[in-house]
C-alpha atoms as a PDB file:
ATOM      1  CA  UNK A   1       3.441   8.381  -1.239  1.00  0.00           C
ATOM      2  CA  UNK A   2       2.537   6.901   2.160  1.00  0.00           C
ATOM      3  CA  UNK A   3      -1.196   6.253   2.105  1.00  0.00           C
ATOM      4  CA  UNK A   4      -3.231   6.221   5.326  1.00  0.00           C
ATOM      5  CA  UNK A   5      -6.927   6.375   6.216  1.00  0.00           C
ATOM      6  CA  UNK A   6      -7.668   7.240   9.846  1.00  0.00           C
ATOM      7  CA  UNK A   7     -11.462   7.312   9.292  1.00  0.00           C
ATOM      8  CA  UNK A   8     -11.534   3.754   7.966  1.00  0.00           C
ATOM      9  CA  UNK A   9      -9.329   2.554  10.833  1.00  0.00           C
ATOM     10  CA  UNK A  10     -11.610   4.172  13.430  1.00  0.00           C
ATOM     11  CA  UNK A  11     -14.616   2.438  11.931  1.00  0.00           C
ATOM     12  CA  UNK A  12     -12.807  -0.922  11.817  1.00  0.00           C
ATOM     13  CA  UNK A  13     -11.795  -0.482  15.479  1.00  0.00           C
ATOM     14  CA  UNK A  14     -15.479  -0.017  16.322  1.00  0.00           C
ATOM     15  CA  UNK A  15     -16.549  -3.050  14.269  1.00  0.00           C
ATOM     16  CA  UNK A  16     -13.873  -5.182  15.931  1.00  0.00           C
ATOM     17  CA  UNK A  17     -14.987  -4.054  19.402  1.00  0.00           C
ATOM     18  CA  UNK A  18     -18.670  -4.825  18.630  1.00  0.00           C
ATOM     19  CA  UNK A  19     -18.097  -8.462  17.596  1.00  0.00           C
ATOM     20  CA  UNK A  20     -19.268  -9.782  20.973  1.00  0.00           C
ATOM     21  CA  UNK A  21     -17.379 -13.051  20.814  1.00  0.00           C
ATOM     22  CA  UNK A  22     -17.943 -13.688  17.115  1.00  0.00           C
ATOM     23  CA  UNK A  23     -14.695 -14.057  15.226  1.00  0.00           C
ATOM     24  CA  UNK A  24     -15.804 -12.311  12.041  1.00  0.00           C
ATOM     25  CA  UNK A  25     -12.864  -9.892  12.188  1.00  0.00           C
ATOM     26  CA  UNK A  26      -9.494 -11.179  13.339  1.00  0.00           C
ATOM     27  CA  UNK A  27      -6.457  -9.235  14.475  1.00  0.00           C
ATOM     28  CA  UNK A  28      -3.021 -10.525  13.484  1.00  0.00           C
ATOM     29  CA  UNK A  29       0.589  -9.420  13.855  1.00  0.00           C
ATOM     30  CA  UNK A  30       3.093  -9.655  10.980  1.00  0.00           C
ATOM     31  CA  UNK A  31       6.858  -9.416  11.353  1.00  0.00           C
ATOM     32  CA  UNK A  32       9.048  -7.176   9.217  1.00  0.00           C
ATOM     33  CA  UNK A  33       9.573  -8.910   5.858  1.00  0.00           C
ATOM     34  CA  UNK A  34       6.495 -11.120   6.203  1.00  0.00           C
ATOM     35  CA  UNK A  35       3.965 -11.074   3.365  1.00  0.00           C
ATOM     36  CA  UNK A  36       0.375 -10.167   4.155  1.00  0.00           C
ATOM     37  CA  UNK A  37      -0.738 -10.942   0.585  1.00  0.00           C
ATOM     38  CA  UNK A  38       1.212 -12.832  -2.072  1.00  0.00           C
ATOM     39  CA  UNK A  39       0.763 -12.243  -5.790  1.00  0.00           C
ATOM     40  CA  UNK A  40      -0.887 -15.258  -7.404  1.00  0.00           C
ATOM     41  CA  UNK A  41      -2.075 -16.786  -4.114  1.00  0.00           C
ATOM     42  CA  UNK A  42      -5.699 -17.294  -3.176  1.00  0.00           C
ATOM     43  CA  UNK A  43      -7.543 -14.390  -1.543  1.00  0.00           C
ATOM     44  CA  UNK A  44      -8.867 -15.427   1.868  1.00  0.00           C
ATOM     45  CA  UNK A  45      -8.925 -12.090   3.686  1.00  0.00           C
ATOM     46  CA  UNK A  46      -9.173  -8.375   3.231  1.00  0.00           C
ATOM     47  CA  UNK A  47      -6.560  -6.660   5.420  1.00  0.00           C
ATOM     48  CA  UNK A  48      -6.922  -3.308   7.174  1.00  0.00           C
ATOM     49  CA  UNK A  49      -3.698  -1.971   8.663  1.00  0.00           C
ATOM     50  CA  UNK A  50      -3.909  -1.038  12.343  1.00  0.00           C
ATOM     51  CA  UNK A  51      -0.242  -0.264  12.790  1.00  0.00           C
ATOM     52  CA  UNK A  52       2.976  -0.385  10.803  1.00  0.00           C
ATOM     53  CA  UNK A  53       4.100   0.186   7.245  1.00  0.00           C
ATOM     54  CA  UNK A  54       3.840  -2.060   4.177  1.00  0.00           C
ATOM     55  CA  UNK A  55       4.840  -1.882   0.539  1.00  0.00           C
ATOM     56  CA  UNK A  56       2.662  -3.216  -2.257  1.00  0.00           C
ATOM     57  CA  UNK A  57       4.501  -4.387  -5.330  1.00  0.00           C
ATOM     58  CA  UNK A  58       3.901  -6.264  -8.544  1.00  0.00           C
ATOM     59  CA  UNK A  59       6.400  -8.759  -9.954  1.00  0.00           C
ATOM     60  CA  UNK A  60       6.528  -8.949 -13.739  1.00  0.00           C
ATOM     61  CA  UNK A  61       7.305 -12.062 -15.799  1.00  0.00           C
ATOM     62  CA  UNK A  62      10.953 -10.931 -16.080  1.00  0.00           C
ATOM     63  CA  UNK A  63      11.146 -11.015 -12.234  1.00  0.00           C
ATOM     64  CA  UNK A  64      11.386  -7.213 -11.958  1.00  0.00           C
ATOM     65  CA  UNK A  65       9.404  -5.659  -9.152  1.00  0.00           C
ATOM     66  CA  UNK A  66       7.492  -2.402  -9.341  1.00  0.00           C
ATOM     67  CA  UNK A  67       6.392  -0.826  -6.057  1.00  0.00           C
ATOM     68  CA  UNK A  68       2.851   0.447  -6.418  1.00  0.00           C
ATOM     69  CA  UNK A  69       2.801   2.342  -3.140  1.00  0.00           C
ATOM     70  CA  UNK A  70       3.549   2.380   0.570  1.00  0.00           C
ATOM     71  CA  UNK A  71       0.646   2.022   2.985  1.00  0.00           C
ATOM     72  CA  UNK A  72       0.104   2.813   6.656  1.00  0.00           C
ATOM     73  CA  UNK A  73      -2.710   2.779   9.173  1.00  0.00           C
ATOM     74  CA  UNK A  74      -6.269   2.396   7.969  1.00  0.00           C
ATOM     75  CA  UNK A  75      -5.337   1.211   4.499  1.00  0.00           C
ATOM     76  CA  UNK A  76      -7.464  -1.550   3.000  1.00  0.00           C
ATOM     77  CA  UNK A  77      -5.644  -4.326   1.124  1.00  0.00           C
ATOM     78  CA  UNK A  78      -7.162  -7.000  -1.103  1.00  0.00           C
ATOM     79  CA  UNK A  79     -10.468  -5.240  -1.682  1.00  0.00           C
ATOM     80  CA  UNK A  80      -9.770  -4.710  -5.395  1.00  0.00           C
ATOM     81  CA  UNK A  81      -9.537  -8.431  -6.032  1.00  0.00           C
ATOM     82  CA  UNK A  82     -12.676  -9.269  -4.067  1.00  0.00           C
ATOM     83  CA  UNK A  83     -14.734  -6.455  -5.587  1.00  0.00           C
ATOM     84  CA  UNK A  84     -13.646  -7.540  -9.079  1.00  0.00           C
ATOM     85  CA  UNK A  85     -14.472 -11.196  -8.350  1.00  0.00           C
ATOM     86  CA  UNK A  86     -10.856 -12.361  -8.611  1.00  0.00           C
ATOM     87  CA  UNK A  87      -9.762 -15.291  -6.520  1.00  0.00           C
ATOM     88  CA  UNK A  88      -5.992 -14.549  -6.577  1.00  0.00           C
ATOM     89  CA  UNK A  89      -4.051 -11.560  -5.269  1.00  0.00           C
ATOM     90  CA  UNK A  90      -2.785  -9.299  -8.066  1.00  0.00           C
ATOM     91  CA  UNK A  91       0.142  -7.955  -6.011  1.00  0.00           C
ATOM     92  CA  UNK A  92       2.322  -8.796  -3.050  1.00  0.00           C
ATOM     93  CA  UNK A  93       2.084  -6.768   0.160  1.00  0.00           C
ATOM     94  CA  UNK A  94       5.104  -7.026   2.459  1.00  0.00           C
ATOM     95  CA  UNK A  95       5.606  -5.650   5.971  1.00  0.00           C
ATOM     96  CA  UNK A  96       8.379  -3.044   6.122  1.00  0.00           C
ATOM     97  CA  UNK A  97       8.003  -2.781   9.899  1.00  0.00           C
ATOM     98  CA  UNK A  98       6.147  -4.849  12.461  1.00  0.00           C
ATOM     99  CA  UNK A  99       2.480  -4.697  11.410  1.00  0.00           C
ATOM    100  CA  UNK A 100      -0.865  -5.244  13.123  1.00  0.00           C
ATOM    101  CA  UNK A 101      -3.787  -5.787  10.784  1.00  0.00           C
ATOM    102  CA  UNK A 102      -7.450  -6.641  10.899  1.00  0.00           C
ATOM    103  CA  UNK A 103      -8.341  -9.636   8.744  1.00  0.00           C
ATOM    104  CA  UNK A 104     -11.855  -9.762   7.331  1.00  0.00           C
ATOM    105  CA  UNK A 105     -12.911 -12.929   5.522  1.00  0.00           C
ATOM    106  CA  UNK A 106     -14.136 -12.554   1.955  1.00  0.00           C
ATOM    107  CA  UNK A 107     -17.623 -13.685   3.034  1.00  0.00           C
ATOM    108  CA  UNK A 108     -17.832 -11.157   5.880  1.00  0.00           C
ATOM    109  CA  UNK A 109     -16.435  -8.413   3.617  1.00  0.00           C
ATOM    110  CA  UNK A 110     -19.308  -9.094   1.170  1.00  0.00           C
ATOM    111  CA  UNK A 111     -21.759  -9.014   4.073  1.00  0.00           C
ATOM    112  CA  UNK A 112     -20.414  -5.632   5.237  1.00  0.00           C
ATOM    113  CA  UNK A 113     -20.588  -4.240   1.692  1.00  0.00           C
ATOM    114  CA  UNK A 114     -24.216  -5.389   1.374  1.00  0.00           C
ATOM    115  CA  UNK A 115     -25.491  -4.432   4.846  1.00  0.00           C
ATOM    116  CA  UNK A 116     -23.308  -1.710   6.370  1.00  0.00           C
ATOM    117  CA  UNK A 117     -23.763   1.601   4.569  1.00  0.00           C
ATOM    118  CA  UNK A 118     -21.086   3.410   6.595  1.00  0.00           C
ATOM    119  CA  UNK A 119     -18.543   0.685   5.827  1.00  0.00           C
ATOM    120  CA  UNK A 120     -19.514   0.776   2.159  1.00  0.00           C
ATOM    121  CA  UNK A 121     -19.193   4.571   1.929  1.00  0.00           C
ATOM    122  CA  UNK A 122     -15.784   4.555   3.656  1.00  0.00           C
ATOM    123  CA  UNK A 123     -14.633   1.771   1.342  1.00  0.00           C
ATOM    124  CA  UNK A 124     -15.834   3.634  -1.760  1.00  0.00           C
ATOM    125  CA  UNK A 125     -14.017   6.751  -0.588  1.00  0.00           C
ATOM    126  CA  UNK A 126     -10.814   4.756  -0.089  1.00  0.00           C
ATOM    127  CA  UNK A 127     -11.042   3.031  -3.473  1.00  0.00           C
ATOM    128  CA  UNK A 128     -11.837   6.222  -5.377  1.00  0.00           C
ATOM    129  CA  UNK A 129      -9.030   8.114  -3.620  1.00  0.00           C
ATOM    130  CA  UNK A 130      -6.583   5.360  -4.528  1.00  0.00           C
ATOM    131  CA  UNK A 131      -7.736   5.409  -8.170  1.00  0.00           C
ATOM    132  CA  UNK A 132      -7.284   9.197  -8.323  1.00  0.00           C
ATOM    133  CA  UNK A 133      -3.812   8.940  -6.758  1.00  0.00           C
ATOM    134  CA  UNK A 134      -2.808   6.205  -9.223  1.00  0.00           C
ATOM    135  CA  UNK A 135      -4.000   8.268 -12.174  1.00  0.00           C
ATOM    136  CA  UNK A 136      -2.118  11.326 -10.948  1.00  0.00           C
ATOM    137  CA  UNK A 137       1.057   9.304 -10.406  1.00  0.00           C
ATOM    138  CA  UNK A 138       0.851   7.695 -13.857  1.00  0.00           C
ATOM    139  CA  UNK A 139       0.405  11.034 -15.608  1.00  0.00           C
ATOM    140  CA  UNK A 140       3.163  12.575 -13.503  1.00  0.00           C
ATOM    141  CA  UNK A 141       5.646   9.887 -14.578  1.00  0.00           C
ATOM    142  CA  UNK A 142       4.565  10.176 -18.209  1.00  0.00           C
ATOM    143  CA  UNK A 143       4.855  13.979 -18.359  1.00  0.00           C
ATOM    144  CA  UNK A 144       7.930  14.762 -16.250  1.00  0.00           C
ATOM    145  CA  UNK A 145      11.542  13.568 -16.418  1.00  0.00           C
ATOM    146  CA  UNK A 146      12.551  10.871 -13.928  1.00  0.00           C
ATOM    147  CA  UNK A 147      14.817  13.415 -12.204  1.00  0.00           C
ATOM    148  CA  UNK A 148      11.763  15.390 -11.147  1.00  0.00           C
ATOM    149  CA  UNK A 149      10.020  12.254  -9.821  1.00  0.00           C
ATOM    150  CA  UNK A 150      13.204  11.397  -7.915  1.00  0.00           C
ATOM    151  CA  UNK A 151      13.260  14.846  -6.250  1.00  0.00           C
ATOM    152  CA  UNK A 152       9.601  14.491  -5.293  1.00  0.00           C
ATOM    153  CA  UNK A 153      10.319  11.049  -3.821  1.00  0.00           C
ATOM    154  CA  UNK A 154      13.153  12.453  -1.695  1.00  0.00           C
ATOM    155  CA  UNK A 155      10.920  15.296  -0.499  1.00  0.00           C
ATOM    156  CA  UNK A 156       8.095  12.884   0.378  1.00  0.00           C
ATOM    157  CA  UNK A 157      10.518  10.639   2.255  1.00  0.00           C
ATOM    158  CA  UNK A 158      11.745  13.571   4.332  1.00  0.00           C
ATOM    159  CA  UNK A 159       8.235  14.925   4.929  1.00  0.00           C
ATOM    160  CA  UNK A 160       6.845  11.547   5.997  1.00  0.00           C
ATOM    161  CA  UNK A 161       9.996  10.482   7.864  1.00  0.00           C
ATOM    162  CA  UNK A 162      10.426   7.304   5.782  1.00  0.00           C
ATOM    163  CA  UNK A 163      13.647   5.390   5.295  1.00  0.00           C
ATOM    164  CA  UNK A 164      13.634   3.489   2.017  1.00  0.00           C
ATOM    165  CA  UNK A 165      16.331   1.190   0.699  1.00  0.00           C
ATOM    166  CA  UNK A 166      17.901   1.959  -2.661  1.00  0.00           C
ATOM    167  CA  UNK A 167      16.169  -1.098  -4.035  1.00  0.00           C
ATOM    168  CA  UNK A 168      12.749   0.151  -2.873  1.00  0.00           C
ATOM    169  CA  UNK A 169      13.420   3.646  -4.232  1.00  0.00           C
ATOM    170  CA  UNK A 170      14.403   2.231  -7.625  1.00  0.00           C
ATOM    171  CA  UNK A 171      11.366  -0.081  -7.713  1.00  0.00           C
ATOM    172  CA  UNK A 172       9.052   2.791  -6.792  1.00  0.00           C
ATOM    173  CA  UNK A 173      10.486   4.965  -9.560  1.00  0.00           C
ATOM    174  CA  UNK A 174      10.508   2.100 -12.071  1.00  0.00           C
ATOM    175  CA  UNK A 175      14.254   2.364 -12.739  1.00  0.00           C
ATOM    176  CA  UNK A 176      17.285   0.164 -12.124  1.00  0.00           C
ATOM    177  CA  UNK A 177      19.785   0.630  -9.265  1.00  0.00           C
ATOM    178  CA  UNK A 178      22.446   2.061 -11.615  1.00  0.00           C
ATOM    179  CA  UNK A 179      20.087   4.833 -12.718  1.00  0.00           C
ATOM    180  CA  UNK A 180      19.146   5.534  -9.102  1.00  0.00           C
ATOM    181  CA  UNK A 181      22.815   5.707  -8.070  1.00  0.00           C
ATOM    182  CA  UNK A 182      23.424   8.222 -10.857  1.00  0.00           C
ATOM    183  CA  UNK A 183      20.505  10.354  -9.644  1.00  0.00           C
ATOM    184  CA  UNK A 184      21.733  10.147  -6.045  1.00  0.00           C
ATOM    185  CA  UNK A 185      25.248  11.187  -7.090  1.00  0.00           C
ATOM    186  CA  UNK A 186      23.917  14.165  -9.098  1.00  0.00           C
ATOM    187  CA  UNK A 187      21.714  15.142  -6.148  1.00  0.00           C
ATOM    188  CA  UNK A 188      24.643  15.050  -3.717  1.00  0.00           C
ATOM    189  CA  UNK A 189      26.833  17.071  -6.094  1.00  0.00           C
ATOM    190  CA  UNK A 190      24.136  19.722  -6.431  1.00  0.00           C
ATOM    191  CA  UNK A 191      23.821  20.001  -2.653  1.00  0.00           C
ATOM    192  CA  UNK A 192      27.606  20.557  -2.360  1.00  0.00           C
ATOM    193  CA  UNK A 193      27.642  23.272  -5.030  1.00  0.00           C
ATOM    194  CA  UNK A 194      26.892  26.733  -3.551  1.00  0.00           C
END
């Protein structure tokens, strides 16, 4: 549920430290609620999270939001669009806590992909891991009842010490608030029953 990548962050820390006065990689702070990337806006930077927690979500034409995932330190954001040659962000990424992130321009990102084999390998590992996780999540939701996904979400929240709003839980599960409230009520009743 909460994706992190300590290896990628360590490498980005080293790249940032080696800049020697060149501003090819920037470091920026984002406040809680601030958007790092906005769906439909032009891609200027790839973001790598140094600190904090974000949620990535997609807004459909009917204005409903679907949370793709929650990301923490070392996660790369915006690489899918750049690698696919898209000029606009496909999803919105919003800070759930105060966030520090490295910002790498599209041009410098291409340079790193072309000339830095370690960066490229770490990026490929991150992208392939994310694809595998997305495939597993999609099949999980297709093959199991929503109740089971809800229980797994609660367990992941407890394990990772995350506090999610009802709205975020519903968006992550792809259900409405009424359905989530029903699941929460059933869950509480089961916990009371010996």
